[in-house]
All heavy atoms as atom14 arrays in JSON, in Angstrom:
{
  "sequence": "HDGTPVLARDCVASLRRWAKRDPFGGSLMEATDELSAPDDRTIR",
  "atom14_mask": [
    [1, 1, 1, 1, 1, 1, 1, 1, 1, 1, 0, 0, 0, 0],
    [1, 1, 1, 1, 1, 1, 1, 1, 0, 0, 0, 0, 0, 0],
    [1, 1, 1, 1, 0, 0, 0, 0, 0, 0, 0, 0, 0, 0],
    [1, 1, 1, 1, 1, 1, 1, 0, 0, 0, 0, 0, 0, 0],
    [1, 1, 1, 1, 1, 1, 1, 0, 0, 0, 0, 0, 0, 0],
    [1, 1, 1, 1, 1, 1, 1, 0, 0, 0, 0, 0, 0, 0],
    [1, 1, 1, 1, 1, 1, 1, 1, 0, 0, 0, 0, 0, 0],
    [1, 1, 1, 1, 1, 0, 0, 0, 0, 0, 0, 0, 0, 0],
    [1, 1, 1, 1, 1, 1, 1, 1, 1, 1, 1, 0, 0, 0],
    [1, 1, 1, 1, 1, 1, 1, 1, 0, 0, 0, 0, 0, 0],
    [1, 1, 1, 1, 1, 1, 0, 0, 0, 0, 0, 0, 0, 0],
    [1, 1, 1, 1, 1, 1, 1, 0, 0, 0, 0, 0, 0, 0],
    [1, 1, 1, 1, 1, 0, 0, 0, 0, 0, 0, 0, 0, 0],
    [1, 1, 1, 1, 1, 1, 0, 0, 0, 0, 0, 0, 0, 0],
    [1, 1, 1, 1, 1, 1, 1, 1, 0, 0, 0, 0, 0, 0],
    [1, 1, 1, 1, 1, 1, 1, 1, 1, 1, 1, 0, 0, 0],
    [1, 1, 1, 1, 1, 1, 1, 1, 1, 1, 1, 0, 0, 0],
    [1, 1, 1, 1, 1, 1, 1, 1, 1, 1, 1, 1, 1, 1],
    [1, 1, 1, 1, 1, 0, 0, 0, 0, 0, 0, 0, 0, 0],
    [1, 1, 1, 1, 1, 1, 1, 1, 1, 0, 0, 0, 0, 0],
    [1, 1, 1, 1, 1, 1, 1, 1, 1, 1, 1, 0, 0, 0],
    [1, 1, 1, 1, 1, 1, 1, 1, 0, 0, 0, 0, 0, 0],
    [1, 1, 1, 1, 1, 1, 1, 0, 0, 0, 0, 0, 0, 0],
    [1, 1, 1, 1, 1, 1, 1, 1, 1, 1, 1, 0, 0, 0],
    [1, 1, 1, 1, 0, 0, 0, 0, 0, 0, 0, 0, 0, 0],
    [1, 1, 1, 1, 0, 0, 0, 0, 0, 0, 0, 0, 0, 0],
    [1, 1, 1, 1, 1, 1, 0, 0, 0, 0, 0, 0, 0, 0],
    [1, 1, 1, 1, 1, 1, 1, 1, 0, 0, 0, 0, 0, 0],
    [1, 1, 1, 1, 1, 1, 1, 1, 0, 0, 0, 0, 0, 0],
    [1, 1, 1, 1, 1, 1, 1, 1, 1, 0, 0, 0, 0, 0],
    [1, 1, 1, 1, 1, 0, 0, 0, 0, 0, 0, 0, 0, 0],
    [1, 1, 1, 1, 1, 1, 1, 0, 0, 0, 0, 0, 0, 0],
    [1, 1, 1, 1, 1, 1, 1, 1, 0, 0, 0, 0, 0, 0],
    [1, 1, 1, 1, 1, 1, 1, 1, 1, 0, 0, 0, 0, 0],
    [1, 1, 1, 1, 1, 1, 1, 1, 0, 0, 0, 0, 0, 0],
    [1, 1, 1, 1, 1, 1, 0, 0, 0, 0, 0, 0, 0, 0],
    [1, 1, 1, 1, 1, 0, 0, 0, 0, 0, 0, 0, 0, 0],
    [1, 1, 1, 1, 1, 1, 1, 0, 0, 0, 0, 0, 0, 0],
    [1, 1, 1, 1, 1, 1, 1, 1, 0, 0, 0, 0, 0, 0],
    [1, 1, 1, 1, 1, 1, 1, 1, 0, 0, 0, 0, 0, 0],
    [1, 1, 1, 1, 1, 1, 1, 1, 1, 1, 1, 0, 0, 0],
    [1, 1, 1, 1, 1, 1, 1, 0, 0, 0, 0, 0, 0, 0],
    [1, 1, 1, 1, 1, 1, 1, 1, 0, 0, 0, 0, 0, 0],
    [1, 1, 1, 1, 1, 1, 1, 1, 1, 1, 1, 0, 0, 0]
  ],
  "atom14_positions": [
    [[0.81, -1.22, 0.0], [0.0, 0.0, 0.0], [0.84, 1.27, 0.0], [0.34, 2.34, -0.36], [-0.93, 0.01, 1.22], [-1.91, -1.12, 1.22], [-2.55, -1.56, 2.36], [-2.36, -1.92, 0.22], [-3.35, -2.56, 2.07], [-3.25, -2.81, 0.78], [0.0, 0.0, 0.0], [0.0, 0.0, 0.0], [0.0, 0.0, 0.0], [0.0, 0.0, 0.0]],
    [[2.09, 1.18, 0.41], [2.97, 2.37, 0.38], [3.67, 2.53, -0.96], [4.52, 3.4, -1.12], [4.0, 2.31, 1.52], [4.92, 1.1, 1.45], [4.83, 0.32, 0.46], [5.74, 0.91, 2.37], [0.0, 0.0, 0.0], [0.0, 0.0, 0.0], [0.0, 0.0, 0.0], [0.0, 0.0, 0.0], [0.0, 0.0, 0.0], [0.0, 0.0, 0.0]],
    [[3.32, 1.68, -1.93], [3.86, 1.8, -3.28], [5.1, 0.98, -3.54], [5.52, 0.86, -4.69], [0.0, 0.0, 0.0], [0.0, 0.0, 0.0], [0.0, 0.0, 0.0], [0.0, 0.0, 0.0], [0.0, 0.0, 0.0], [0.0, 0.0, 0.0], [0.0, 0.0, 0.0], [0.0, 0.0, 0.0], [0.0, 0.0, 0.0], [0.0, 0.0, 0.0]],
    [[5.69, 0.38, -2.52], [6.9, -0.41, -2.72], [6.54, -1.8, -3.23], [5.47, -2.34, -2.93], [7.69, -0.55, -1.41], [6.86, -1.18, -0.42], [8.11, 0.82, -0.89], [0.0, 0.0, 0.0], [0.0, 0.0, 0.0], [0.0, 0.0, 0.0], [0.0, 0.0, 0.0], [0.0, 0.0, 0.0], [0.0, 0.0, 0.0], [0.0, 0.0, 0.0]],
    [[7.43, -2.41, -4.03], [7.13, -3.75, -4.54], [7.2, -4.81, -3.45], [7.96, -4.68, -2.48], [8.23, -3.97, -5.59], [9.35, -3.08, -5.16], [8.72, -1.88, -4.52], [0.0, 0.0, 0.0], [0.0, 0.0, 0.0], [0.0, 0.0, 0.0], [0.0, 0.0, 0.0], [0.0, 0.0, 0.0], [0.0, 0.0, 0.0], [0.0, 0.0, 0.0]],
    [[6.4, -5.84, -3.6], [6.48, -7.0, -2.7], [7.64, -7.86, -3.15], [7.68, -8.33, -4.3], [5.18, -7.82, -2.74], [5.32, -9.07, -1.86], [3.99, -6.98, -2.29], [0.0, 0.0, 0.0], [0.0, 0.0, 0.0], [0.0, 0.0, 0.0], [0.0, 0.0, 0.0], [0.0, 0.0, 0.0], [0.0, 0.0, 0.0], [0.0, 0.0, 0.0]],
    [[8.62, -8.04, -2.28], [9.81, -8.82, -2.61], [9.84, -10.1, -1.78], [9.23, -10.19, -0.71], [11.07, -8.0, -2.35], [11.17, -6.66, -3.09], [12.44, -5.92, -2.68], [11.14, -6.88, -4.6], [0.0, 0.0, 0.0], [0.0, 0.0, 0.0], [0.0, 0.0, 0.0], [0.0, 0.0, 0.0], [0.0, 0.0, 0.0], [0.0, 0.0, 0.0]],
    [[10.58, -11.06, -2.26], [10.66, -12.35, -1.57], [11.19, -12.19, -0.15], [10.75, -12.9, 0.76], [11.54, -13.31, -2.37], [0.0, 0.0, 0.0], [0.0, 0.0, 0.0], [0.0, 0.0, 0.0], [0.0, 0.0, 0.0], [0.0, 0.0, 0.0], [0.0, 0.0, 0.0], [0.0, 0.0, 0.0], [0.0, 0.0, 0.0], [0.0, 0.0, 0.0]],
    [[12.12, -11.25, 0.05], [12.66, -11.09, 1.41], [11.6, -10.54, 2.37], [11.64, -10.83, 3.57], [13.88, -10.18, 1.39], [13.66, -8.75, 0.98], [14.95, -7.94, 1.19], [14.82, -6.56, 0.79], [15.14, -6.08, -0.4], [15.61, -6.9, -1.34], [15.0, -4.8, -0.68], [0.0, 0.0, 0.0], [0.0, 0.0, 0.0], [0.0, 0.0, 0.0]],
    [[10.62, -9.76, 1.86], [9.49, -9.35, 2.71], [8.7, -10.57, 3.16], [8.3, -10.67, 4.33], [8.55, -8.42, 1.93], [9.21, -7.13, 1.48], [9.78, -6.43, 2.34], [9.15, -6.82, 0.28], [0.0, 0.0, 0.0], [0.0, 0.0, 0.0], [0.0, 0.0, 0.0], [0.0, 0.0, 0.0], [0.0, 0.0, 0.0], [0.0, 0.0, 0.0]],
    [[8.5, -11.48, 2.24], [7.72, -12.69, 2.54], [8.46, -13.6, 3.5], [7.84, -14.2, 4.41], [7.37, -13.42, 1.25], [6.37, -12.43, 0.1], [0.0, 0.0, 0.0], [0.0, 0.0, 0.0], [0.0, 0.0, 0.0], [0.0, 0.0, 0.0], [0.0, 0.0, 0.0], [0.0, 0.0, 0.0], [0.0, 0.0, 0.0], [0.0, 0.0, 0.0]],
    [[9.77, -13.73, 3.32], [10.56, -14.57, 4.24], [10.44, -14.03, 5.66], [10.22, -14.78, 6.62], [12.02, -14.63, 3.77], [12.91, -15.2, 4.87], [12.14, -15.47, 2.5], [0.0, 0.0, 0.0], [0.0, 0.0, 0.0], [0.0, 0.0, 0.0], [0.0, 0.0, 0.0], [0.0, 0.0, 0.0], [0.0, 0.0, 0.0], [0.0, 0.0, 0.0]],
    [[10.6, -12.71, 5.82], [10.49, -12.11, 7.15], [9.08, -12.29, 7.72], [8.91, -12.57, 8.91], [10.86, -10.63, 7.09], [0.0, 0.0, 0.0], [0.0, 0.0, 0.0], [0.0, 0.0, 0.0], [0.0, 0.0, 0.0], [0.0, 0.0, 0.0], [0.0, 0.0, 0.0], [0.0, 0.0, 0.0], [0.0, 0.0, 0.0], [0.0, 0.0, 0.0]],
    [[8.07, -12.16, 6.86], [6.69, -12.33, 7.31], [6.42, -13.77, 7.74], [5.74, -14.01, 8.74], [5.73, -11.94, 6.18], [5.87, -10.59, 5.83], [0.0, 0.0, 0.0], [0.0, 0.0, 0.0], [0.0, 0.0, 0.0], [0.0, 0.0, 0.0], [0.0, 0.0, 0.0], [0.0, 0.0, 0.0], [0.0, 0.0, 0.0], [0.0, 0.0, 0.0]],
    [[6.95, -14.72, 6.99], [6.77, -16.14, 7.33], [7.42, -16.46, 8.68], [6.84, -17.19, 9.5], [7.35, -17.02, 6.23], [6.57, -17.05, 4.92], [7.41, -17.69, 3.82], [5.26, -17.82, 5.09], [0.0, 0.0, 0.0], [0.0, 0.0, 0.0], [0.0, 0.0, 0.0], [0.0, 0.0, 0.0], [0.0, 0.0, 0.0], [0.0, 0.0, 0.0]],
    [[8.6, -15.94, 8.89], [9.3, -16.22, 10.16], [8.5, -15.66, 11.34], [8.38, -16.31, 12.38], [10.69, -15.6, 10.13], [11.64, -16.27, 9.16], [13.06, -15.74, 9.32], [13.95, -16.27, 8.32], [14.49, -17.48, 8.35], [14.22, -18.29, 9.37], [15.31, -17.89, 7.4], [0.0, 0.0, 0.0], [0.0, 0.0, 0.0], [0.0, 0.0, 0.0]],
    [[7.95, -14.47, 11.18], [7.18, -13.85, 12.27], [5.91, -14.65, 12.54], [5.6, -14.96, 13.7], [6.84, -12.4, 11.89], [6.06, -11.65, 12.96], [5.92, -10.18, 12.61], [5.35, -9.45, 13.72], [4.06, -9.1, 13.82], [3.21, -9.46, 12.85], [3.62, -8.43, 14.86], [0.0, 0.0, 0.0], [0.0, 0.0, 0.0], [0.0, 0.0, 0.0]],
    [[5.17, -14.97, 11.48], [3.92, -15.72, 11.63], [4.15, -17.09, 12.27], [3.38, -17.54, 13.13], [3.27, -15.86, 10.25], [2.26, -16.95, 10.14], [0.96, -16.92, 10.57], [2.45, -18.25, 9.54], [0.34, -18.12, 10.27], [1.22, -18.94, 9.64], [3.53, -18.88, 8.92], [1.07, -20.24, 9.16], [3.37, -20.16, 8.43], [2.15, -20.82, 8.55]],
    [[5.21, -17.78, 11.88], [5.47, -19.13, 12.35], [5.73, -19.18, 13.85], [5.54, -20.23, 14.48], [6.63, -19.75, 11.59], [0.0, 0.0, 0.0], [0.0, 0.0, 0.0], [0.0, 0.0, 0.0], [0.0, 0.0, 0.0], [0.0, 0.0, 0.0], [0.0, 0.0, 0.0], [0.0, 0.0, 0.0], [0.0, 0.0, 0.0], [0.0, 0.0, 0.0]],
    [[6.13, -18.06, 14.44], [6.35, -18.03, 15.88], [5.05, -17.97, 16.67], [5.05, -18.18, 17.88], [7.23, -16.83, 16.24], [8.66, -16.98, 15.73], [9.49, -15.74, 16.03], [10.91, -15.9, 15.48], [11.72, -14.67, 15.68], [0.0, 0.0, 0.0], [0.0, 0.0, 0.0], [0.0, 0.0, 0.0], [0.0, 0.0, 0.0], [0.0, 0.0, 0.0]],
    [[3.93, -17.7, 15.98], [2.63, -17.64, 16.65], [1.7, -18.76, 16.24], [0.74, -19.07, 16.96], [1.94, -16.29, 16.35], [2.66, -15.05, 16.87], [2.93, -15.1, 18.36], [1.75, -15.33, 19.16], [0.98, -14.36, 19.68], [1.29, -13.09, 19.48], [-0.06, -14.65, 20.42], [0.0, 0.0, 0.0], [0.0, 0.0, 0.0], [0.0, 0.0, 0.0]],
    [[1.93, -19.36, 15.07], [1.0, -20.35, 14.53], [1.54, -21.77, 14.73], [2.67, -22.06, 14.33], [0.78, -20.08, 13.04], [-0.25, -21.03, 12.44], [-1.44, -20.72, 12.54], [0.14, -22.07, 11.89], [0.0, 0.0, 0.0], [0.0, 0.0, 0.0], [0.0, 0.0, 0.0], [0.0, 0.0, 0.0], [0.0, 0.0, 0.0], [0.0, 0.0, 0.0]],
    [[0.75, -22.68, 15.32], [1.26, -24.04, 15.56], [1.63, -24.78, 14.27], [2.65, -25.5, 14.24], [0.09, -24.73, 16.26], [-0.69, -23.63, 16.88], [-0.57, -22.48, 15.94], [0.0, 0.0, 0.0], [0.0, 0.0, 0.0], [0.0, 0.0, 0.0], [0.0, 0.0, 0.0], [0.0, 0.0, 0.0], [0.0, 0.0, 0.0], [0.0, 0.0, 0.0]],
    [[0.83, -24.62, 13.21], [1.14, -25.27, 11.93], [2.42, -24.67, 11.36], [3.32, -25.38, 10.89], [-0.04, -25.06, 10.97], [-0.17, -26.1, 9.89], [-1.35, -26.17, 9.15], [0.84, -27.0, 9.59], [-1.51, -27.11, 8.13], [0.69, -27.96, 8.58], [-0.49, -28.0, 7.85], [0.0, 0.0, 0.0], [0.0, 0.0, 0.0], [0.0, 0.0, 0.0]],
    [[2.53, -23.35, 11.42], [3.75, -22.7, 10.96], [4.96, -23.09, 11.77], [6.06, -23.26, 11.23], [0.0, 0.0, 0.0], [0.0, 0.0, 0.0], [0.0, 0.0, 0.0], [0.0, 0.0, 0.0], [0.0, 0.0, 0.0], [0.0, 0.0, 0.0], [0.0, 0.0, 0.0], [0.0, 0.0, 0.0], [0.0, 0.0, 0.0], [0.0, 0.0, 0.0]],
    [[4.77, -23.28, 13.07], [5.89, -23.72, 13.91], [6.37, -25.11, 13.52], [7.58, -25.37, 13.48], [0.0, 0.0, 0.0], [0.0, 0.0, 0.0], [0.0, 0.0, 0.0], [0.0, 0.0, 0.0], [0.0, 0.0, 0.0], [0.0, 0.0, 0.0], [0.0, 0.0, 0.0], [0.0, 0.0, 0.0], [0.0, 0.0, 0.0], [0.0, 0.0, 0.0]],
    [[5.43, -25.99, 13.18], [5.82, -27.33, 12.74], [6.56, -27.28, 11.41], [7.52, -28.03, 11.19], [4.57, -28.22, 12.61], [3.96, -28.39, 13.86], [0.0, 0.0, 0.0], [0.0, 0.0, 0.0], [0.0, 0.0, 0.0], [0.0, 0.0, 0.0], [0.0, 0.0, 0.0], [0.0, 0.0, 0.0], [0.0, 0.0, 0.0], [0.0, 0.0, 0.0]],
    [[6.13, -26.39, 10.52], [6.83, -26.22, 9.24], [8.25, -25.73, 9.47], [9.2, -26.25, 8.86], [6.06, -25.24, 8.35], [6.76, -24.79, 7.06], [7.1, -25.98, 6.18], [5.88, -23.8, 6.31], [0.0, 0.0, 0.0], [0.0, 0.0, 0.0], [0.0, 0.0, 0.0], [0.0, 0.0, 0.0], [0.0, 0.0, 0.0], [0.0, 0.0, 0.0]],
    [[8.43, -24.77, 10.36], [9.77, -24.24, 10.61], [10.66, -25.27, 11.3], [11.87, -25.3, 11.07], [9.69, -22.96, 11.44], [9.05, -21.79, 10.7], [9.78, -21.46, 9.06], [11.45, -21.02, 9.54], [0.0, 0.0, 0.0], [0.0, 0.0, 0.0], [0.0, 0.0, 0.0], [0.0, 0.0, 0.0], [0.0, 0.0, 0.0], [0.0, 0.0, 0.0]],
    [[10.07, -26.14, 12.11], [10.86, -27.21, 12.73], [11.4, -28.17, 11.67], [12.47, -28.77, 11.85], [10.0, -27.98, 13.73], [9.7, -27.22, 15.01], [8.74, -27.97, 15.91], [8.37, -29.11, 15.56], [8.34, -27.41, 16.95], [0.0, 0.0, 0.0], [0.0, 0.0, 0.0], [0.0, 0.0, 0.0], [0.0, 0.0, 0.0], [0.0, 0.0, 0.0]],
    [[10.66, -28.29, 10.56], [11.09, -29.17, 9.46], [11.99, -28.45, 8.46], [12.42, -29.07, 7.49], [9.87, -29.73, 8.74], [0.0, 0.0, 0.0], [0.0, 0.0, 0.0], [0.0, 0.0, 0.0], [0.0, 0.0, 0.0], [0.0, 0.0, 0.0], [0.0, 0.0, 0.0], [0.0, 0.0, 0.0], [0.0, 0.0, 0.0], [0.0, 0.0, 0.0]],
    [[12.26, -27.16, 8.69], [13.0, -26.34, 7.72], [14.44, -26.15, 8.15], [14.72, -25.7, 9.27], [12.31, -24.98, 7.56], [10.97, -25.17, 7.09], [13.05, -24.09, 6.57], [0.0, 0.0, 0.0], [0.0, 0.0, 0.0], [0.0, 0.0, 0.0], [0.0, 0.0, 0.0], [0.0, 0.0, 0.0], [0.0, 0.0, 0.0], [0.0, 0.0, 0.0]],
    [[15.36, -26.46, 7.25], [16.78, -26.18, 7.48], [17.1, -24.74, 7.14], [17.88, -24.08, 7.84], [17.65, -27.1, 6.62], [18.24, -28.26, 7.41], [18.36, -28.11, 8.65], [18.55, -29.3, 6.81], [0.0, 0.0, 0.0], [0.0, 0.0, 0.0], [0.0, 0.0, 0.0], [0.0, 0.0, 0.0], [0.0, 0.0, 0.0], [0.0, 0.0, 0.0]],
    [[16.52, -24.25, 6.04], [16.83, -22.9, 5.59], [15.62, -22.31, 4.87], [14.99, -22.96, 4.03], [18.02, -22.92, 4.62], [18.4, -21.55, 4.07], [19.45, -21.65, 2.96], [19.86, -22.78, 2.62], [19.83, -20.59, 2.44], [0.0, 0.0, 0.0], [0.0, 0.0, 0.0], [0.0, 0.0, 0.0], [0.0, 0.0, 0.0], [0.0, 0.0, 0.0]],
    [[15.3, -21.06, 5.21], [14.27, -20.29, 4.51], [14.95, -19.04, 3.98], [15.5, -18.26, 4.76], [13.13, -19.92, 5.46], [12.04, -18.99, 4.94], [11.37, -19.57, 3.7], [11.01, -18.71, 6.03], [0.0, 0.0, 0.0], [0.0, 0.0, 0.0], [0.0, 0.0, 0.0], [0.0, 0.0, 0.0], [0.0, 0.0, 0.0], [0.0, 0.0, 0.0]],
    [[14.93, -18.84, 2.67], [15.72, -17.76, 2.08], [15.01, -17.16, 0.88], [13.98, -17.66, 0.42], [17.1, -18.28, 1.66], [16.96, -19.28, 0.65], [0.0, 0.0, 0.0], [0.0, 0.0, 0.0], [0.0, 0.0, 0.0], [0.0, 0.0, 0.0], [0.0, 0.0, 0.0], [0.0, 0.0, 0.0], [0.0, 0.0, 0.0], [0.0, 0.0, 0.0]],
    [[15.59, -16.06, 0.39], [15.1, -15.37, -0.81], [16.26, -15.23, -1.78], [16.97, -14.22, -1.77], [14.53, -14.01, -0.44], [0.0, 0.0, 0.0], [0.0, 0.0, 0.0], [0.0, 0.0, 0.0], [0.0, 0.0, 0.0], [0.0, 0.0, 0.0], [0.0, 0.0, 0.0], [0.0, 0.0, 0.0], [0.0, 0.0, 0.0], [0.0, 0.0, 0.0]],
    [[16.52, -16.24, -2.63], [17.66, -16.17, -3.54], [17.55, -15.05, -4.58], [18.56, -14.62, -5.13], [17.67, -17.55, -4.2], [16.3, -18.11, -3.99], [15.82, -17.52, -2.71], [0.0, 0.0, 0.0], [0.0, 0.0, 0.0], [0.0, 0.0, 0.0], [0.0, 0.0, 0.0], [0.0, 0.0, 0.0], [0.0, 0.0, 0.0], [0.0, 0.0, 0.0]],
    [[16.33, -14.59, -4.86], [16.14, -13.42, -5.72], [14.83, -12.75, -5.31], [14.15, -13.2, -4.38], [16.15, -13.79, -7.21], [15.08, -14.8, -7.59], [13.89, -14.53, -7.31], [15.41, -15.87, -8.14], [0.0, 0.0, 0.0], [0.0, 0.0, 0.0], [0.0, 0.0, 0.0], [0.0, 0.0, 0.0], [0.0, 0.0, 0.0], [0.0, 0.0, 0.0]],
    [[14.47, -11.68, -6.0], [13.34, -10.86, -5.57], [11.99, -11.56, -5.67], [11.02, -11.16, -5.01], [13.28, -9.56, -6.4], [14.35, -8.57, -5.99], [14.98, -8.78, -4.95], [14.56, -7.58, -6.74], [0.0, 0.0, 0.0], [0.0, 0.0, 0.0], [0.0, 0.0, 0.0], [0.0, 0.0, 0.0], [0.0, 0.0, 0.0], [0.0, 0.0, 0.0]],
    [[11.9, -12.61, -6.47], [10.61, -13.27, -6.66], [10.58, -14.72, -6.17], [9.55, -15.38, -6.3], [10.2, -13.21, -8.14], [9.87, -11.81, -8.64], [9.41, -11.83, -10.09], [8.26, -12.71, -10.28], [7.98, -13.33, -11.43], [8.8, -13.19, -12.48], [6.91, -14.1, -11.53], [0.0, 0.0, 0.0], [0.0, 0.0, 0.0], [0.0, 0.0, 0.0]],
    [[11.67, -15.2, -5.61], [11.74, -16.61, -5.21], [11.86, -16.75, -3.69], [12.75, -16.17, -3.07], [12.92, -17.32, -5.88], [12.81, -17.19, -7.3], [12.95, -18.79, -5.51], [0.0, 0.0, 0.0], [0.0, 0.0, 0.0], [0.0, 0.0, 0.0], [0.0, 0.0, 0.0], [0.0, 0.0, 0.0], [0.0, 0.0, 0.0], [0.0, 0.0, 0.0]],
    [[10.96, -17.53, -3.1], [11.02, -17.9, -1.68], [11.42, -19.37, -1.63], [10.75, -20.22, -2.22], [9.65, -17.71, -1.01], [9.15, -16.28, -1.18], [9.69, -18.11, 0.46], [7.65, -16.14, -0.99], [0.0, 0.0, 0.0], [0.0, 0.0, 0.0], [0.0, 0.0, 0.0], [0.0, 0.0, 0.0], [0.0, 0.0, 0.0], [0.0, 0.0, 0.0]],
    [[12.51, -19.66, -0.96], [13.04, -21.03, -0.99], [13.0, -21.66, 0.4], [13.49, -21.09, 1.39], [14.47, -21.05, -1.51], [15.16, -22.41, -1.48], [16.43, -22.4, -2.3], [16.11, -22.2, -3.71], [17.02, -21.84, -4.63], [18.29, -21.65, -4.27], [16.67, -21.69, -5.89], [0.0, 0.0, 0.0], [0.0, 0.0, 0.0], [0.0, 0.0, 0.0]]
  ]
}
């Protein structure tokens, strides 16, 4: 809404924050070795 593009690193940070509150997300992060943004449109 502030006009900036949505980038993968925004999503990575958002996922990490959400997973600390959501039980399903917490289980996903327990199974995750690495969550990264190799480029602006890719969440890995």
